[in-house]
Amino acid sequence: MVPTLAGVILLIFFLFKFFGGDPAEILAGQIADKQQIESIRQQLGLDQPWWVQLWIFVKEIFTFDFGKSWMTREQVKDIFLTRLPATLTITIPILLLEVSLAIPIAMTVAYFRGTLLDRTAMAICVAAMSVSFLVYIIVGQYLLGFHLGWFPVQGWSDSFWRNLFVYAPLPIILAALVGLAPQTRLYRSFFLDETKSDYVRTARAKGLSEPAILRRHVLRNAMVPVLTNVSLLVPGVFVGSFLLEIFFSIPGLGREIYLAVNRSDYPVIQAVTIYLSVLTMLINLGADILYRLVDPRIQLK
């Protein structure tokens, strides 16, 4: 993780420094003169050598202090602390619902492999994967929100429970439906690969039923690739939630990043990029540790 984080920091620093435009000119605006631009450059430390600027950037990362947003003048850390709860309110249920539904459905389909149920389920998964996420959002908002009136289309409140049970269900359901098809298809392949192993043939020879083999043996051995997929899935769920926040007017990090990109608000963009990378690395580390719990044969070194 240490060399990976160092590489991410260097990559982001040099991308923003040499390809992101001059922050002083962006802040000063089009009508500013050279003296104003130089004054802003000194305030931001952009007149310092690049290695000094890099050290300042590293200190900002480890002290969680990226200063203030260039446009709203709000502390970047306050933006994280106030917007992150809304993002977690929809991302955590999406992840839990998606995985908890995909595993039993995939096991059921794998049990009936080669049958009409199996072929029908796979055809539905392929069809669902072929539809854009935006189509799910538009159709879901119109059908479940406007037409049937089951859910509010947009809105958010200060109450966590009201958000979770009133405003969040529709985006959570839509996102879970989008992710359910590819996860079911993938987990089914994991289970089918395990059913071809020698230990499964031995269990069948001993007289164990097929459901018992799937529950006691196949599921546990297939959890290693499933955990790998979940660790890769979490960052994608976060990125997908950003689109949901924009369409459902949820005041989370996603909408803030969208506004920051439109405004060229570099401190916010840099902070989100860095900490999303750190989150990805921590998730991968957690998956490596869980491998050992799922399969004792795997040694942590």
C-alpha atoms as a PDB file:
ATOM      1  CA  MET A   1       0.000   0.000   0.000  1.00  0.00           C
ATOM      2  CA  VAL A   2       2.828   2.431   0.772  1.00  0.00           C
ATOM      3  CA  PRO A   3       4.433   2.462  -2.718  1.00  0.00           C
ATOM      4  CA  THR A   4       0.984   2.444  -4.321  1.00  0.00           C
ATOM      5  CA  LEU A   5      -0.090   5.469  -2.282  1.00  0.00           C
ATOM      6  CA  ALA A   6       3.177   7.229  -3.117  1.00  0.00           C
ATOM      7  CA  GLY A   7       2.583   6.585  -6.815  1.00  0.00           C
ATOM      8  CA  VAL A   8      -0.993   7.900  -6.591  1.00  0.00           C
ATOM      9  CA  ILE A   9       0.181  11.072  -4.816  1.00  0.00           C
ATOM     10  CA  LEU A  10       2.863  11.746  -7.437  1.00  0.00           C
ATOM     11  CA  LEU A  11       0.479  11.043 -10.306  1.00  0.00           C
ATOM     12  CA  ILE A  12      -2.245  13.355  -8.995  1.00  0.00           C
ATOM     13  CA  PHE A  13       0.239  16.098  -8.104  1.00  0.00           C
ATOM     14  CA  PHE A  14       1.876  16.222 -11.517  1.00  0.00           C
ATOM     15  CA  LEU A  15      -1.407  15.839 -13.402  1.00  0.00           C
ATOM     16  CA  PHE A  16      -2.910  18.837 -11.627  1.00  0.00           C
ATOM     17  CA  LYS A  17       0.315  20.850 -11.783  1.00  0.00           C
ATOM     18  CA  PHE A  18       1.181  20.428 -15.456  1.00  0.00           C
ATOM     19  CA  PHE A  19      -2.152  19.584 -17.124  1.00  0.00           C
ATOM     20  CA  GLY A  20      -4.848  21.159 -14.956  1.00  0.00           C
ATOM     21  CA  GLY A  21      -4.319  24.807 -15.879  1.00  0.00           C
ATOM     22  CA  ASP A  22      -3.043  27.640 -13.710  1.00  0.00           C
ATOM     23  CA  PRO A  23      -5.042  27.770 -10.430  1.00  0.00           C
ATOM     24  CA  ALA A  24      -4.143  31.442  -9.961  1.00  0.00           C
ATOM     25  CA  GLU A  25      -5.678  32.376 -13.302  1.00  0.00           C
ATOM     26  CA  ILE A  26      -8.785  30.301 -12.568  1.00  0.00           C
ATOM     27  CA  LEU A  27      -9.282  32.005  -9.202  1.00  0.00           C
ATOM     28  CA  ALA A  28      -8.504  35.488 -10.491  1.00  0.00           C
ATOM     29  CA  GLY A  29     -10.936  35.274 -13.403  1.00  0.00           C
ATOM     30  CA  GLN A  30     -10.673  36.623 -16.902  1.00  0.00           C
ATOM     31  CA  ILE A  31     -10.567  40.326 -16.003  1.00  0.00           C
ATOM     32  CA  ALA A  32      -7.691  40.132 -13.487  1.00  0.00           C
ATOM     33  CA  ASP A  33      -4.334  41.742 -14.212  1.00  0.00           C
ATOM     34  CA  LYS A  34      -0.920  40.126 -13.846  1.00  0.00           C
ATOM     35  CA  GLN A  35      -0.329  41.661 -10.419  1.00  0.00           C
ATOM     36  CA  GLN A  36      -3.481  40.062  -9.001  1.00  0.00           C
ATOM     37  CA  ILE A  37      -2.558  36.710 -10.539  1.00  0.00           C
ATOM     38  CA  GLU A  38       0.948  36.844  -9.011  1.00  0.00           C
ATOM     39  CA  SER A  39      -0.526  37.768  -5.628  1.00  0.00           C
ATOM     40  CA  ILE A  40      -2.835  34.737  -5.712  1.00  0.00           C
ATOM     41  CA  ARG A  41       0.029  32.542  -6.852  1.00  0.00           C
ATOM     42  CA  GLN A  42       2.074  33.609  -3.821  1.00  0.00           C
ATOM     43  CA  GLN A  43      -0.881  32.992  -1.469  1.00  0.00           C
ATOM     44  CA  LEU A  44      -1.271  29.463  -2.815  1.00  0.00           C
ATOM     45  CA  GLY A  45       2.463  28.773  -2.718  1.00  0.00           C
ATOM     46  CA  LEU A  46       2.609  28.256  -6.471  1.00  0.00           C
ATOM     47  CA  ASP A  47       5.704  30.452  -6.723  1.00  0.00           C
ATOM     48  CA  GLN A  48       7.656  27.833  -4.738  1.00  0.00           C
ATOM     49  CA  PRO A  49       9.758  25.083  -6.402  1.00  0.00           C
ATOM     50  CA  TRP A  50       7.812  21.978  -7.373  1.00  0.00           C
ATOM     51  CA  TRP A  51       9.362  19.840  -4.617  1.00  0.00           C
ATOM     52  CA  VAL A  52       8.211  22.360  -1.997  1.00  0.00           C
ATOM     53  CA  GLN A  53       4.705  22.288  -3.468  1.00  0.00           C
ATOM     54  CA  LEU A  54       4.790  18.475  -3.411  1.00  0.00           C
ATOM     55  CA  TRP A  55       5.732  18.479   0.277  1.00  0.00           C
ATOM     56  CA  ILE A  56       2.862  20.884   1.012  1.00  0.00           C
ATOM     57  CA  PHE A  57       0.520  18.543  -0.885  1.00  0.00           C
ATOM     58  CA  VAL A  58       1.714  15.520   1.121  1.00  0.00           C
ATOM     59  CA  LYS A  59       1.185  17.398   4.399  1.00  0.00           C
ATOM     60  CA  GLU A  60      -2.334  18.334   3.305  1.00  0.00           C
ATOM     61  CA  ILE A  61      -3.127  14.656   2.697  1.00  0.00           C
ATOM     62  CA  PHE A  62      -1.886  13.355   6.046  1.00  0.00           C
ATOM     63  CA  THR A  63      -3.282  16.259   8.082  1.00  0.00           C
ATOM     64  CA  PHE A  64      -6.637  16.062   6.264  1.00  0.00           C
ATOM     65  CA  ASP A  65      -6.384  19.780   5.586  1.00  0.00           C
ATOM     66  CA  PHE A  66      -6.787  20.792   1.952  1.00  0.00           C
ATOM     67  CA  GLY A  67      -7.711  24.322   2.916  1.00  0.00           C
ATOM     68  CA  LYS A  68     -10.880  25.915   1.630  1.00  0.00           C
ATOM     69  CA  SER A  69     -12.945  25.358  -1.467  1.00  0.00           C
ATOM     70  CA  TRP A  70     -12.033  27.959  -4.036  1.00  0.00           C
ATOM     71  CA  MET A  71     -15.632  28.697  -4.906  1.00  0.00           C
ATOM     72  CA  THR A  72     -17.671  28.267  -1.701  1.00  0.00           C
ATOM     73  CA  ARG A  73     -14.833  29.130   0.761  1.00  0.00           C
ATOM     74  CA  GLU A  74     -15.951  26.166   2.872  1.00  0.00           C
ATOM     75  CA  GLN A  75     -13.300  24.004   4.495  1.00  0.00           C
ATOM     76  CA  VAL A  76     -12.721  20.877   2.389  1.00  0.00           C
ATOM     77  CA  LYS A  77     -12.748  18.670   5.492  1.00  0.00           C
ATOM     78  CA  ASP A  78     -16.133  20.132   6.448  1.00  0.00           C
ATOM     79  CA  ILE A  79     -17.430  19.288   2.972  1.00  0.00           C
ATOM     80  CA  PHE A  80     -16.391  15.666   3.564  1.00  0.00           C
ATOM     81  CA  LEU A  81     -17.891  15.486   7.038  1.00  0.00           C
ATOM     82  CA  THR A  82     -21.235  17.008   6.041  1.00  0.00           C
ATOM     83  CA  ARG A  83     -21.708  15.303   2.645  1.00  0.00           C
ATOM     84  CA  LEU A  84     -20.328  11.834   3.381  1.00  0.00           C
ATOM     85  CA  PRO A  85     -23.281  10.657   5.580  1.00  0.00           C
ATOM     86  CA  ALA A  86     -25.722  11.151   2.690  1.00  0.00           C
ATOM     87  CA  THR A  87     -23.449   9.174   0.358  1.00  0.00           C
ATOM     88  CA  LEU A  88     -23.059   6.333   2.875  1.00  0.00           C
ATOM     89  CA  THR A  89     -26.834   6.253   3.413  1.00  0.00           C
ATOM     90  CA  ILE A  90     -27.308   4.992  -0.137  1.00  0.00           C
ATOM     91  CA  THR A  91     -24.005   3.215  -0.886  1.00  0.00           C
ATOM     92  CA  ILE A  92     -23.947   0.810   2.082  1.00  0.00           C
ATOM     93  CA  PRO A  93     -27.516  -0.494   1.521  1.00  0.00           C
ATOM     94  CA  ILE A  94     -26.817  -0.801  -2.218  1.00  0.00           C
ATOM     95  CA  LEU A  95     -23.749  -2.948  -1.575  1.00  0.00           C
ATOM     96  CA  LEU A  96     -25.423  -5.118   1.077  1.00  0.00           C
ATOM     97  CA  LEU A  97     -28.584  -5.632  -0.977  1.00  0.00           C
ATOM     98  CA  GLU A  98     -26.699  -6.383  -4.181  1.00  0.00           C
ATOM     99  CA  VAL A  99     -24.393  -9.011  -2.663  1.00  0.00           C
ATOM    100  CA  SER A 100     -26.994 -10.611  -0.374  1.00  0.00           C
ATOM    101  CA  LEU A 101     -29.385 -11.116  -3.302  1.00  0.00           C
ATOM    102  CA  ALA A 102     -26.817 -12.117  -5.937  1.00  0.00           C
ATOM    103  CA  ILE A 103     -25.293 -14.984  -3.914  1.00  0.00           C
ATOM    104  CA  PRO A 104     -28.502 -17.011  -3.232  1.00  0.00           C
ATOM    105  CA  ILE A 105     -29.857 -16.345  -6.734  1.00  0.00           C
ATOM    106  CA  ALA A 106     -26.569 -17.468  -8.280  1.00  0.00           C
ATOM    107  CA  MET A 107     -26.516 -20.597  -6.102  1.00  0.00           C
ATOM    108  CA  THR A 108     -30.086 -21.441  -7.132  1.00  0.00           C
ATOM    109  CA  VAL A 109     -29.315 -20.974 -10.812  1.00  0.00           C
ATOM    110  CA  ALA A 110     -26.126 -23.029 -10.464  1.00  0.00           C
ATOM    111  CA  TYR A 111     -28.121 -25.810  -8.810  1.00  0.00           C
ATOM    112  CA  PHE A 112     -30.482 -25.918 -11.804  1.00  0.00           C
ATOM    113  CA  ARG A 113     -27.641 -25.545 -14.320  1.00  0.00           C
ATOM    114  CA  GLY A 114     -28.520 -26.427 -17.882  1.00  0.00           C
ATOM    115  CA  THR A 115     -32.268 -26.272 -17.260  1.00  0.00           C
ATOM    116  CA  LEU A 116     -34.829 -23.834 -18.626  1.00  0.00           C
ATOM    117  CA  LEU A 117     -34.613 -21.829 -15.385  1.00  0.00           C
ATOM    118  CA  ASP A 118     -30.855 -21.454 -15.795  1.00  0.00           C
ATOM    119  CA  ARG A 119     -31.076 -20.353 -19.418  1.00  0.00           C
ATOM    120  CA  THR A 120     -33.945 -17.956 -18.702  1.00  0.00           C
ATOM    121  CA  ALA A 121     -32.120 -16.370 -15.772  1.00  0.00           C
ATOM    122  CA  MET A 122     -28.964 -15.876 -17.815  1.00  0.00           C
ATOM    123  CA  ALA A 123     -30.953 -14.390 -20.697  1.00  0.00           C
ATOM    124  CA  ILE A 124     -32.571 -11.912 -18.287  1.00  0.00           C
ATOM    125  CA  CYS A 125     -29.151 -11.027 -16.839  1.00  0.00           C
ATOM    126  CA  VAL A 126     -27.662 -10.362 -20.269  1.00  0.00           C
ATOM    127  CA  ALA A 127     -30.683  -8.242 -21.250  1.00  0.00           C
ATOM    128  CA  ALA A 128     -30.486  -6.276 -17.986  1.00  0.00           C
ATOM    129  CA  MET A 129     -26.755  -5.676 -18.448  1.00  0.00           C
ATOM    130  CA  SER A 130     -27.413  -4.274 -21.926  1.00  0.00           C
ATOM    131  CA  VAL A 131     -29.547  -1.403 -20.598  1.00  0.00           C
ATOM    132  CA  SER A 132     -27.891   1.853 -19.557  1.00  0.00           C
ATOM    133  CA  PHE A 133     -27.971   2.943 -15.912  1.00  0.00           C
ATOM    134  CA  LEU A 134     -29.609   6.196 -17.016  1.00  0.00           C
ATOM    135  CA  VAL A 135     -32.522   4.252 -18.503  1.00  0.00           C
ATOM    136  CA  TYR A 136     -33.114   2.542 -15.155  1.00  0.00           C
ATOM    137  CA  ILE A 137     -33.112   5.923 -13.419  1.00  0.00           C
ATOM    138  CA  ILE A 138     -35.467   7.637 -15.883  1.00  0.00           C
ATOM    139  CA  VAL A 139     -37.909   4.725 -16.096  1.00  0.00           C
ATOM    140  CA  GLY A 140     -37.773   4.134 -12.339  1.00  0.00           C
ATOM    141  CA  GLN A 141     -38.447   7.784 -11.539  1.00  0.00           C
ATOM    142  CA  TYR A 142     -41.350   7.949 -13.978  1.00  0.00           C
ATOM    143  CA  LEU A 143     -42.954   4.596 -13.164  1.00  0.00           C
ATOM    144  CA  LEU A 144     -42.377   4.285  -9.410  1.00  0.00           C
ATOM    145  CA  GLY A 145     -42.295   7.978  -8.617  1.00  0.00           C
ATOM    146  CA  PHE A 146     -44.517  10.004 -10.944  1.00  0.00           C
ATOM    147  CA  HIS A 147     -46.948   7.343 -12.169  1.00  0.00           C
ATOM    148  CA  LEU A 148     -47.464   5.055  -9.161  1.00  0.00           C
ATOM    149  CA  GLY A 149     -46.393   7.548  -6.498  1.00  0.00           C
ATOM    150  CA  TRP A 150     -44.713   4.919  -4.341  1.00  0.00           C
ATOM    151  CA  PHE A 151     -41.554   6.941  -3.734  1.00  0.00           C
ATOM    152  CA  PRO A 152     -40.606  10.625  -3.818  1.00  0.00           C
ATOM    153  CA  VAL A 153     -38.509  11.364  -6.877  1.00  0.00           C
ATOM    154  CA  GLN A 154     -36.281  13.934  -5.192  1.00  0.00           C
ATOM    155  CA  GLY A 155     -35.662  15.272  -1.730  1.00  0.00           C
ATOM    156  CA  TRP A 156     -33.600  14.901   1.431  1.00  0.00           C
ATOM    157  CA  SER A 157     -33.997  15.853   5.078  1.00  0.00           C
ATOM    158  CA  ASP A 158     -32.003  16.191   8.287  1.00  0.00           C
ATOM    159  CA  SER A 159     -33.425  12.950   9.709  1.00  0.00           C
ATOM    160  CA  PHE A 160     -31.362   9.824   9.012  1.00  0.00           C
ATOM    161  CA  TRP A 161     -34.315   7.437   9.375  1.00  0.00           C
ATOM    162  CA  ARG A 162     -36.584   9.545   7.180  1.00  0.00           C
ATOM    163  CA  ASN A 163     -33.886   9.634   4.515  1.00  0.00           C
ATOM    164  CA  LEU A 164     -33.297   5.886   4.754  1.00  0.00           C
ATOM    165  CA  PHE A 165     -36.953   4.851   4.564  1.00  0.00           C
ATOM    166  CA  VAL A 166     -38.483   7.657   2.466  1.00  0.00           C
ATOM    167  CA  TYR A 167     -35.970   9.259   0.094  1.00  0.00           C
ATOM    168  CA  ALA A 168     -33.257   6.597  -0.271  1.00  0.00           C
ATOM    169  CA  PRO A 169     -35.276   3.440  -1.194  1.00  0.00           C
ATOM    170  CA  LEU A 170     -35.872   4.360  -4.852  1.00  0.00           C
ATOM    171  CA  PRO A 171     -32.199   5.062  -5.751  1.00  0.00           C
ATOM    172  CA  ILE A 172     -31.129   2.040  -3.696  1.00  0.00           C
ATOM    173  CA  ILE A 173     -33.562  -0.273  -5.501  1.00  0.00           C
ATOM    174  CA  LEU A 174     -32.580   1.022  -8.937  1.00  0.00           C
ATOM    175  CA  ALA A 175     -28.849   0.726  -8.257  1.00  0.00           C
ATOM    176  CA  ALA A 176     -29.264  -2.769  -6.787  1.00  0.00           C
ATOM    177  CA  LEU A 177     -31.215  -3.884  -9.859  1.00  0.00           C
ATOM    178  CA  VAL A 178     -28.479  -2.563 -12.122  1.00  0.00           C
ATOM    179  CA  GLY A 179     -25.755  -4.420 -10.226  1.00  0.00           C
ATOM    180  CA  LEU A 180     -27.704  -7.606  -9.566  1.00  0.00           C
ATOM    181  CA  ALA A 181     -27.536  -8.967 -13.130  1.00  0.00           C
ATOM    182  CA  PRO A 182     -23.733  -8.891 -13.637  1.00  0.00           C
ATOM    183  CA  GLN A 183     -23.063 -10.073 -10.077  1.00  0.00           C
ATOM    184  CA  THR A 184     -25.476 -13.015 -10.423  1.00  0.00           C
ATOM    185  CA  ARG A 185     -23.904 -14.034 -13.704  1.00  0.00           C
ATOM    186  CA  LEU A 186     -20.390 -13.782 -12.258  1.00  0.00           C
ATOM    187  CA  TYR A 187     -21.145 -15.617  -8.999  1.00  0.00           C
ATOM    188  CA  ARG A 188     -22.870 -18.389 -10.935  1.00  0.00           C
ATOM    189  CA  SER A 189     -19.642 -18.969 -12.853  1.00  0.00           C
ATOM    190  CA  PHE A 190     -17.723 -19.105  -9.555  1.00  0.00           C
ATOM    191  CA  PHE A 191     -20.078 -21.756  -8.165  1.00  0.00           C
ATOM    192  CA  LEU A 192     -20.035 -23.812 -11.369  1.00  0.00           C
ATOM    193  CA  ASP A 193     -16.227 -23.784 -11.407  1.00  0.00           C
ATOM    194  CA  GLU A 194     -16.187 -25.170  -7.875  1.00  0.00           C
ATOM    195  CA  THR A 195     -18.695 -27.927  -8.712  1.00  0.00           C
ATOM    196  CA  LYS A 196     -16.112 -29.381 -11.126  1.00  0.00           C
ATOM    197  CA  SER A 197     -13.522 -29.822  -8.353  1.00  0.00           C
ATOM    198  CA  ASP A 198     -12.399 -33.164  -6.958  1.00  0.00           C
ATOM    199  CA  TYR A 199     -13.773 -32.521  -3.468  1.00  0.00           C
ATOM    200  CA  VAL A 200     -17.272 -32.080  -4.928  1.00  0.00           C
ATOM    201  CA  ARG A 201     -17.052 -35.418  -6.749  1.00  0.00           C
ATOM    202  CA  THR A 202     -15.884 -37.003  -3.496  1.00  0.00           C
ATOM    203  CA  ALA A 203     -18.811 -35.484  -1.596  1.00  0.00           C
ATOM    204  CA  ARG A 204     -21.233 -36.790  -4.224  1.00  0.00           C
ATOM    205  CA  ALA A 205     -19.673 -40.253  -3.980  1.00  0.00           C
ATOM    206  CA  LYS A 206     -20.285 -40.188  -0.225  1.00  0.00           C
ATOM    207  CA  GLY A 207     -23.987 -39.605  -0.863  1.00  0.00           C
ATOM    208  CA  LEU A 208     -24.330 -35.920   0.039  1.00  0.00           C
ATOM    209  CA  SER A 209     -27.215 -34.187  -1.673  1.00  0.00           C
ATOM    210  CA  GLU A 210     -26.576 -31.430  -4.171  1.00  0.00           C
ATOM    211  CA  PRO A 211     -28.041 -28.648  -1.975  1.00  0.00           C
ATOM    212  CA  ALA A 212     -25.873 -29.789   0.939  1.00  0.00           C
ATOM    213  CA  ILE A 213     -22.763 -29.760  -1.277  1.00  0.00           C
ATOM    214  CA  LEU A 214     -23.546 -26.238  -2.439  1.00  0.00           C
ATOM    215  CA  ARG A 215     -24.151 -24.930   1.084  1.00  0.00           C
ATOM    216  CA  ARG A 216     -21.366 -26.694   2.977  1.00  0.00           C
ATOM    217  CA  HIS A 217     -18.558 -26.897   0.438  1.00  0.00           C
ATOM    218  CA  VAL A 218     -19.064 -24.943  -2.763  1.00  0.00           C
ATOM    219  CA  LEU A 219     -20.185 -21.707  -1.097  1.00  0.00           C
ATOM    220  CA  ARG A 220     -17.221 -21.517   1.261  1.00  0.00           C
ATOM    221  CA  ASN A 221     -14.642 -22.277  -1.420  1.00  0.00           C
ATOM    222  CA  ALA A 222     -16.265 -19.843  -3.850  1.00  0.00           C
ATOM    223  CA  MET A 223     -16.148 -17.041  -1.273  1.00  0.00           C
ATOM    224  CA  VAL A 224     -12.528 -16.208  -2.134  1.00  0.00           C
ATOM    225  CA  PRO A 225     -13.311 -14.986  -5.675  1.00  0.00           C
ATOM    226  CA  VAL A 226     -16.581 -13.505  -4.377  1.00  0.00           C
ATOM    227  CA  LEU A 227     -14.649 -11.420  -1.821  1.00  0.00           C
ATOM    228  CA  THR A 228     -12.257 -10.343  -4.555  1.00  0.00           C
ATOM    229  CA  ASN A 229     -15.173  -9.169  -6.655  1.00  0.00           C
ATOM    230  CA  VAL A 230     -16.785  -7.346  -3.714  1.00  0.00           C
ATOM    231  CA  SER A 231     -13.534  -5.514  -3.004  1.00  0.00           C
ATOM    232  CA  LEU A 232     -13.521  -4.327  -6.617  1.00  0.00           C
ATOM    233  CA  LEU A 233     -17.230  -3.551  -6.442  1.00  0.00           C
ATOM    234  CA  VAL A 234     -17.123  -1.087  -3.534  1.00  0.00           C
ATOM    235  CA  PRO A 235     -15.318   1.773  -5.343  1.00  0.00           C
ATOM    236  CA  GLY A 236     -17.645   1.291  -8.303  1.00  0.00           C
ATOM    237  CA  VAL A 237     -20.672   1.576  -6.002  1.00  0.00           C
ATOM    238  CA  PHE A 238     -19.309   4.878  -4.688  1.00  0.00           C
ATOM    239  CA  VAL A 239     -18.815   6.216  -8.209  1.00  0.00           C
ATOM    240  CA  GLY A 240     -22.267   4.993  -9.249  1.00  0.00           C
ATOM    241  CA  SER A 241     -23.833   6.708  -6.246  1.00  0.00           C
ATOM    242  CA  PHE A 242     -22.487  10.020  -7.549  1.00  0.00           C
ATOM    243  CA  LEU A 243     -24.823   9.740 -10.545  1.00  0.00           C
ATOM    244  CA  LEU A 244     -27.736   8.877  -8.269  1.00  0.00           C
ATOM    245  CA  GLU A 245     -27.065  11.911  -6.104  1.00  0.00           C
ATOM    246  CA  ILE A 246     -27.239  14.215  -9.107  1.00  0.00           C
ATOM    247  CA  PHE A 247     -30.524  12.809 -10.452  1.00  0.00           C
ATOM    248  CA  PHE A 248     -32.203  12.463  -7.046  1.00  0.00           C
ATOM    249  CA  SER A 249     -30.863  15.749  -5.591  1.00  0.00           C
ATOM    250  CA  ILE A 250     -29.113  13.983  -2.709  1.00  0.00           C
ATOM    251  CA  PRO A 251     -26.640  16.346  -0.968  1.00  0.00           C
ATOM    252  CA  GLY A 252     -23.758  13.871  -0.920  1.00  0.00           C
ATOM    253  CA  LEU A 253     -20.162  13.819  -2.101  1.00  0.00           C
ATOM    254  CA  GLY A 254     -21.158  12.913  -5.645  1.00  0.00           C
ATOM    255  CA  ARG A 255     -23.082  16.092  -6.288  1.00  0.00           C
ATOM    256  CA  GLU A 256     -20.318  18.094  -4.626  1.00  0.00           C
ATOM    257  CA  ILE A 257     -17.714  16.530  -6.933  1.00  0.00           C
ATOM    258  CA  TYR A 258     -19.893  17.261  -9.954  1.00  0.00           C
ATOM    259  CA  LEU A 259     -20.111  20.923  -8.938  1.00  0.00           C
ATOM    260  CA  ALA A 260     -16.382  21.026  -8.141  1.00  0.00           C
ATOM    261  CA  VAL A 261     -15.475  19.713 -11.606  1.00  0.00           C
ATOM    262  CA  ASN A 262     -17.715  22.284 -13.279  1.00  0.00           C
ATOM    263  CA  ARG A 263     -16.111  25.053 -11.200  1.00  0.00           C
ATOM    264  CA  SER A 264     -12.515  23.745 -11.506  1.00  0.00           C
ATOM    265  CA  ASP A 265     -12.434  23.602  -7.695  1.00  0.00           C
ATOM    266  CA  TYR A 266      -9.062  21.811  -7.423  1.00  0.00           C
ATOM    267  CA  PRO A 267      -8.831  21.358  -3.612  1.00  0.00           C
ATOM    268  CA  VAL A 268     -12.117  19.407  -3.527  1.00  0.00           C
ATOM    269  CA  ILE A 269     -11.243  17.325  -6.602  1.00  0.00           C
ATOM    270  CA  GLN A 270      -7.766  16.492  -5.288  1.00  0.00           C
ATOM    271  CA  ALA A 271      -9.071  15.506  -1.856  1.00  0.00           C
ATOM    272  CA  VAL A 272     -11.772  13.213  -3.251  1.00  0.00           C
ATOM    273  CA  THR A 273      -9.348  11.593  -5.700  1.00  0.00           C
ATOM    274  CA  ILE A 274      -6.760  10.888  -3.015  1.00  0.00           C
ATOM    275  CA  TYR A 275      -9.136   9.554  -0.385  1.00  0.00           C
ATOM    276  CA  LEU A 276     -11.072   7.418  -2.857  1.00  0.00           C
ATOM    277  CA  SER A 277      -7.729   5.833  -3.782  1.00  0.00           C
ATOM    278  CA  VAL A 278      -6.953   5.258  -0.097  1.00  0.00           C
ATOM    279  CA  LEU A 279     -10.411   3.726   0.404  1.00  0.00           C
ATOM    280  CA  THR A 280      -9.788   1.343  -2.498  1.00  0.00           C
ATOM    281  CA  MET A 281      -6.473   0.231  -1.013  1.00  0.00           C
ATOM    282  CA  LEU A 282      -7.993  -0.285   2.454  1.00  0.00           C
ATOM    283  CA  ILE A 283     -10.791  -2.372   0.949  1.00  0.00           C
ATOM    284  CA  ASN A 284      -8.258  -4.534  -0.879  1.00  0.00           C
ATOM    285  CA  LEU A 285      -6.334  -4.969   2.376  1.00  0.00           C
ATOM    286  CA  GLY A 286      -9.530  -5.986   4.168  1.00  0.00           C
ATOM    287  CA  ALA A 287     -10.276  -8.515   1.427  1.00  0.00           C
ATOM    288  CA  ASP A 288      -6.803 -10.024   1.820  1.00  0.00           C
ATOM    289  CA  ILE A 289      -7.403 -10.461   5.554  1.00  0.00           C
ATOM    290  CA  LEU A 290     -10.832 -12.009   4.978  1.00  0.00           C
ATOM    291  CA  TYR A 291      -9.270 -14.538   2.592  1.00  0.00           C
ATOM    292  CA  ARG A 292      -7.485 -16.037   5.579  1.00  0.00           C
ATOM    293  CA  LEU A 293     -10.719 -16.321   7.556  1.00  0.00           C
ATOM    294  CA  VAL A 294     -12.619 -17.905   4.677  1.00  0.00           C
ATOM    295  CA  ASP A 295      -9.846 -20.282   3.610  1.00  0.00           C
ATOM    296  CA  PRO A 296      -7.328 -21.197   6.380  1.00  0.00           C
ATOM    297  CA  ARG A 297      -4.994 -22.638   3.716  1.00  0.00           C
ATOM    298  CA  ILE A 298      -4.151 -19.087   2.606  1.00  0.00           C
ATOM    299  CA  GLN A 299      -1.174 -17.754   4.545  1.00  0.00           C
ATOM    300  CA  LEU A 300      -0.750 -14.047   5.256  1.00  0.00           C
ATOM    301  CA  LYS A 301       2.841 -12.979   4.731  1.00  0.00           C
END
